[in-house]
Amino acid sequence: MNEKSGGKIVFILDEYLKKHPEVSKNKIVLGSKMQRTQFQNYYKNKVVRVDLAVLARMCDYLKCDLHDIIKYIPSKN
């Protein structure tokens, strides 16, 4: 069976922080009411299960949309 693999979703928080130097990781953690290790997993794309409530809190704090912190990368197939 030859199945094509799908694309992937990646967090681009590093790009967001470069564009907004007034925002720090620590400010996001505090403003989004999340643990630092939890944020680091999102930042380093190591999160296993995405928590929609956490994403909503991050977007609320940053006053941004999901496409500002998440990107879809299509498969190369």
C-alpha atoms as a PDB file:
ATOM      1  CA  MET A   1       0.000   0.000   0.000  1.00  0.00           C
ATOM      2  CA  ASN A   2       1.496   3.305  -1.092  1.00  0.00           C
ATOM      3  CA  GLU A   3      -0.035   6.221   0.815  1.00  0.00           C
ATOM      4  CA  LYS A   4       1.026   9.804   0.405  1.00  0.00           C
ATOM      5  CA  SER A   5       1.984  11.471   3.627  1.00  0.00           C
ATOM      6  CA  GLY A   6       0.205  14.666   4.513  1.00  0.00           C
ATOM      7  CA  GLY A   7       1.725  18.000   5.282  1.00  0.00           C
ATOM      8  CA  LYS A   8       2.516  19.220   8.756  1.00  0.00           C
ATOM      9  CA  ILE A   9       1.598  22.016  11.109  1.00  0.00           C
ATOM     10  CA  VAL A  10       4.450  23.960  12.711  1.00  0.00           C
ATOM     11  CA  PHE A  11       4.521  26.704  15.282  1.00  0.00           C
ATOM     12  CA  ILE A  12       6.309  29.851  14.167  1.00  0.00           C
ATOM     13  CA  LEU A  13       6.541  31.570  17.527  1.00  0.00           C
ATOM     14  CA  ASP A  14      10.228  32.302  16.870  1.00  0.00           C
ATOM     15  CA  GLU A  15       9.268  34.284  13.757  1.00  0.00           C
ATOM     16  CA  TYR A  16       6.554  36.104  15.697  1.00  0.00           C
ATOM     17  CA  LEU A  17       9.009  37.110  18.426  1.00  0.00           C
ATOM     18  CA  LYS A  18      11.519  38.393  15.849  1.00  0.00           C
ATOM     19  CA  LYS A  19       8.814  40.622  14.346  1.00  0.00           C
ATOM     20  CA  HIS A  20       7.678  41.815  17.791  1.00  0.00           C
ATOM     21  CA  PRO A  21      10.773  42.428  19.936  1.00  0.00           C
ATOM     22  CA  GLU A  22       8.656  44.071  22.637  1.00  0.00           C
ATOM     23  CA  VAL A  23       7.177  40.649  23.425  1.00  0.00           C
ATOM     24  CA  SER A  24       9.260  38.103  25.320  1.00  0.00           C
ATOM     25  CA  LYS A  25       8.774  34.419  25.979  1.00  0.00           C
ATOM     26  CA  ASN A  26       8.279  35.219  29.641  1.00  0.00           C
ATOM     27  CA  LYS A  27       5.555  37.772  28.863  1.00  0.00           C
ATOM     28  CA  ILE A  28       3.723  35.219  26.720  1.00  0.00           C
ATOM     29  CA  VAL A  29       3.967  32.590  29.467  1.00  0.00           C
ATOM     30  CA  LEU A  30       2.612  34.958  32.110  1.00  0.00           C
ATOM     31  CA  GLY A  31       0.011  36.589  29.858  1.00  0.00           C
ATOM     32  CA  SER A  32      -1.250  33.251  28.565  1.00  0.00           C
ATOM     33  CA  LYS A  33      -1.291  31.628  32.008  1.00  0.00           C
ATOM     34  CA  MET A  34       0.774  28.646  30.962  1.00  0.00           C
ATOM     35  CA  GLN A  35       3.818  26.887  32.324  1.00  0.00           C
ATOM     36  CA  ARG A  36       7.194  27.706  30.828  1.00  0.00           C
ATOM     37  CA  THR A  37       7.863  24.085  29.866  1.00  0.00           C
ATOM     38  CA  GLN A  38       4.505  23.962  28.102  1.00  0.00           C
ATOM     39  CA  PHE A  39       5.369  27.115  26.148  1.00  0.00           C
ATOM     40  CA  GLN A  40       8.808  25.733  25.281  1.00  0.00           C
ATOM     41  CA  ASN A  41       7.172  22.651  23.761  1.00  0.00           C
ATOM     42  CA  TYR A  42       5.081  24.872  21.495  1.00  0.00           C
ATOM     43  CA  TYR A  43       8.070  27.109  20.723  1.00  0.00           C
ATOM     44  CA  LYS A  44      10.305  24.156  19.795  1.00  0.00           C
ATOM     45  CA  ASN A  45       7.523  22.274  17.951  1.00  0.00           C
ATOM     46  CA  LYS A  46       7.697  19.406  20.409  1.00  0.00           C
ATOM     47  CA  VAL A  47       4.084  19.588  21.542  1.00  0.00           C
ATOM     48  CA  VAL A  48       2.341  16.238  21.240  1.00  0.00           C
ATOM     49  CA  ARG A  49      -1.266  17.331  21.699  1.00  0.00           C
ATOM     50  CA  VAL A  50      -2.329  20.849  20.914  1.00  0.00           C
ATOM     51  CA  ASP A  51      -4.538  22.439  23.550  1.00  0.00           C
ATOM     52  CA  LEU A  52      -7.003  24.759  21.821  1.00  0.00           C
ATOM     53  CA  ALA A  53      -7.598  26.699  25.039  1.00  0.00           C
ATOM     54  CA  VAL A  54      -3.867  27.437  25.260  1.00  0.00           C
ATOM     55  CA  LEU A  55      -3.809  28.596  21.642  1.00  0.00           C
ATOM     56  CA  ALA A  56      -6.793  30.848  22.310  1.00  0.00           C
ATOM     57  CA  ARG A  57      -5.090  32.369  25.364  1.00  0.00           C
ATOM     58  CA  MET A  58      -1.876  32.969  23.395  1.00  0.00           C
ATOM     59  CA  CYS A  59      -3.796  34.642  20.577  1.00  0.00           C
ATOM     60  CA  ASP A  60      -5.792  36.727  23.063  1.00  0.00           C
ATOM     61  CA  TYR A  61      -2.630  37.866  24.821  1.00  0.00           C
ATOM     62  CA  LEU A  62      -0.721  38.558  21.603  1.00  0.00           C
ATOM     63  CA  LYS A  63      -3.783  40.070  19.896  1.00  0.00           C
ATOM     64  CA  CYS A  64      -3.022  37.943  16.856  1.00  0.00           C
ATOM     65  CA  ASP A  65      -4.637  35.315  14.664  1.00  0.00           C
ATOM     66  CA  LEU A  66      -3.613  31.655  14.481  1.00  0.00           C
ATOM     67  CA  HIS A  67      -1.835  32.173  11.158  1.00  0.00           C
ATOM     68  CA  ASP A  68       0.559  34.533  12.974  1.00  0.00           C
ATOM     69  CA  ILE A  69       1.884  31.724  15.188  1.00  0.00           C
ATOM     70  CA  ILE A  70       1.104  28.537  13.212  1.00  0.00           C
ATOM     71  CA  LYS A  71       1.950  27.552   9.643  1.00  0.00           C
ATOM     72  CA  TYR A  72       0.915  24.636   7.436  1.00  0.00           C
ATOM     73  CA  ILE A  73       3.703  23.078   5.372  1.00  0.00           C
ATOM     74  CA  PRO A  74       2.320  20.932   2.530  1.00  0.00           C
ATOM     75  CA  SER A  75       3.872  17.577   1.744  1.00  0.00           C
ATOM     76  CA  LYS A  76       6.359  17.382  -1.100  1.00  0.00           C
ATOM     77  CA  ASN A  77       4.458  14.545  -2.772  1.00  0.00           C
END
